[in-house]
Protein backbone atom coordinates (compact mmCIF):
# COMPACT_ATOMS: atom_id res chain seq x y z
CA MET A 1 98.90 155.36 -17.11
CA ILE A 2 98.62 153.42 -20.09
CA GLU A 3 101.60 150.58 -19.72
CA TRP A 4 101.82 149.50 -22.81
CA PHE A 5 101.77 152.66 -24.05
CA THR A 6 104.34 154.03 -22.75
CA TRP A 7 106.66 150.67 -23.71
CA VAL A 8 105.66 151.85 -27.23
CA GLN A 9 107.02 155.34 -26.83
CA LEU A 10 110.33 153.97 -25.30
CA ALA A 11 110.63 151.55 -28.30
CA VAL A 12 110.04 154.51 -30.45
CA ALA A 13 112.65 156.36 -28.60
CA VAL A 14 115.25 154.16 -28.78
CA ALA A 15 114.87 153.25 -32.39
CA ALA A 16 114.67 157.01 -33.37
CA GLY A 17 118.21 157.82 -31.44
CA VAL A 18 119.73 154.27 -32.35
CA LEU A 19 118.60 155.70 -36.23
CA CYS A 20 120.02 159.30 -35.70
CA LEU A 21 123.28 157.81 -33.99
CA VAL A 22 124.04 155.91 -37.08
CA LEU A 23 122.87 158.34 -39.46
CA GLY A 24 124.95 160.76 -37.42
CA LEU A 25 128.18 158.80 -37.13
CA ALA A 26 128.15 157.34 -41.15
CA GLY A 27 128.56 161.47 -41.83
CA ARG A 28 124.65 162.45 -42.69
CA VAL A 29 123.68 166.02 -42.16
CA PRO A 30 120.08 165.74 -40.44
CA SER A 31 117.88 165.07 -43.00
CA ASP A 32 113.98 165.18 -42.98
CA LEU A 33 113.55 161.08 -41.38
CA THR A 34 115.75 162.01 -38.35
CA ILE A 35 113.55 165.17 -37.78
CA GLY A 36 110.26 162.98 -38.31
CA ALA A 37 111.97 160.10 -36.14
CA LEU A 38 112.26 162.65 -33.29
CA ALA A 39 109.05 164.39 -34.52
CA LEU A 40 107.15 161.30 -33.34
CA VAL A 41 108.77 160.93 -30.29
CA GLU A 42 107.80 164.83 -29.51
CA VAL A 43 104.10 163.77 -30.60
CA LEU A 44 104.41 160.86 -28.14
CA LEU A 45 105.10 163.09 -25.38
CA VAL A 46 101.79 165.22 -25.89
CA VAL A 47 100.08 162.24 -25.86
CA GLN A 48 101.59 161.15 -22.85
CA LEU A 49 100.76 164.87 -20.97
CA VAL A 50 97.23 164.88 -22.07
CA VAL A 51 97.04 161.32 -20.30
CA ALA A 52 98.79 162.28 -17.49
CA ILE A 53 96.70 164.83 -17.07
CA LEU A 54 93.18 162.70 -17.35
CA ALA A 55 94.27 159.41 -15.68
CA PRO A 56 93.76 160.61 -12.55
CA ALA A 57 89.94 161.92 -13.13
CA PHE A 58 89.64 158.00 -13.91
CA GLY A 59 90.73 156.90 -10.72
CA ASN A 60 94.48 155.86 -12.20
CA GLU A 61 96.24 157.67 -9.88
CA PRO A 62 100.46 157.24 -9.70
CA THR A 63 102.04 155.55 -6.81
CA GLY A 64 105.23 158.22 -6.85
CA SER A 65 105.38 161.93 -6.35
CA LEU A 66 103.48 163.85 -9.21
CA LEU A 67 106.22 166.88 -9.08
CA GLU A 68 108.89 164.54 -9.81
CA PHE A 69 106.82 162.85 -12.75
CA TYR A 70 106.15 166.36 -14.55
CA THR A 71 109.50 167.51 -13.72
CA TYR A 72 110.67 164.53 -16.14
CA LEU A 73 107.48 164.90 -19.09
CA VAL A 74 108.46 168.94 -18.96
CA SER A 75 112.03 168.18 -19.29
CA ALA A 76 111.68 165.29 -21.86
CA LEU A 77 109.03 168.38 -23.38
CA LEU A 78 111.84 170.34 -24.30
CA LEU A 79 114.69 168.60 -25.16
CA PRO A 80 113.68 167.60 -28.32
CA PRO A 81 112.09 170.31 -30.19
CA ALA A 82 115.57 171.89 -28.38
CA ALA A 83 117.64 169.49 -30.45
CA ALA A 84 115.55 169.83 -33.86
CA PHE A 85 116.33 173.57 -33.39
CA TRP A 86 119.81 172.80 -33.05
CA ALA A 87 120.46 170.59 -35.31
CA LEU A 88 118.42 172.74 -38.46
CA LEU A 89 120.93 175.59 -37.59
CA GLU A 90 123.96 173.67 -37.31
CA ARG A 91 123.13 171.12 -40.15
CA ASN A 92 126.31 169.13 -39.68
CA ARG A 93 127.04 165.09 -38.72
CA TRP A 94 127.27 165.81 -34.92
CA SER A 95 124.12 167.41 -35.00
CA THR A 96 122.15 164.27 -36.12
CA VAL A 97 124.27 162.60 -33.45
CA VAL A 98 122.48 165.25 -30.87
CA LEU A 99 119.59 164.28 -32.20
CA GLY A 100 120.07 160.77 -31.37
CA VAL A 101 121.35 161.80 -27.70
CA ALA A 102 117.90 163.27 -27.39
CA ALA A 103 115.84 160.44 -28.04
CA LEU A 104 118.07 158.18 -26.28
CA ALA A 105 117.84 160.73 -23.48
CA VAL A 106 113.66 160.70 -23.75
CA GLY A 107 114.18 157.35 -23.75
CA VAL A 108 115.13 157.26 -20.29
CA MET A 109 113.00 160.18 -19.21
CA VAL A 110 109.63 158.00 -20.14
CA TYR A 111 111.72 154.71 -18.51
CA ARG A 112 111.90 157.04 -15.20
CA MET A 113 108.02 158.04 -15.31
CA LEU A 114 106.96 155.14 -15.89
CA GLN A 115 108.50 153.66 -12.82
CA ILE A 116 107.31 156.61 -11.06
CA TRP A 117 103.90 156.01 -12.09
CA THR A 118 103.14 152.48 -11.60
CA VAL A 119 105.99 151.46 -9.37
CA GLN A 120 107.48 153.81 -6.71
CA SER A 121 105.60 153.76 -3.42
CA ALA A 122 104.62 157.42 -2.26
């Protein structure tokens, strides 16, 4: 995996999470900004999926369990669309908070995926 990309992805997820939490706690309903922040997190996850599929072909093998890595990746890919769908249905301040929590949860998953790919021994 490209380690710097994963750190950028983690920073984007945390920034999106904090943005959505602050706006949600301030009483704002989901907006283009909050949905867009979560969409950016999702786009980066799709790029990570493509990189994870191609990386072993170029000699960049994970050091940990591929099953655990892809379980985190699939879970992370499903979380933002589910949160955005729910937020668009509810359209209240708490749905903006849910967007923030989803983004932060994805950040935790991305960090764990980084550990599985680079640090953990098989």
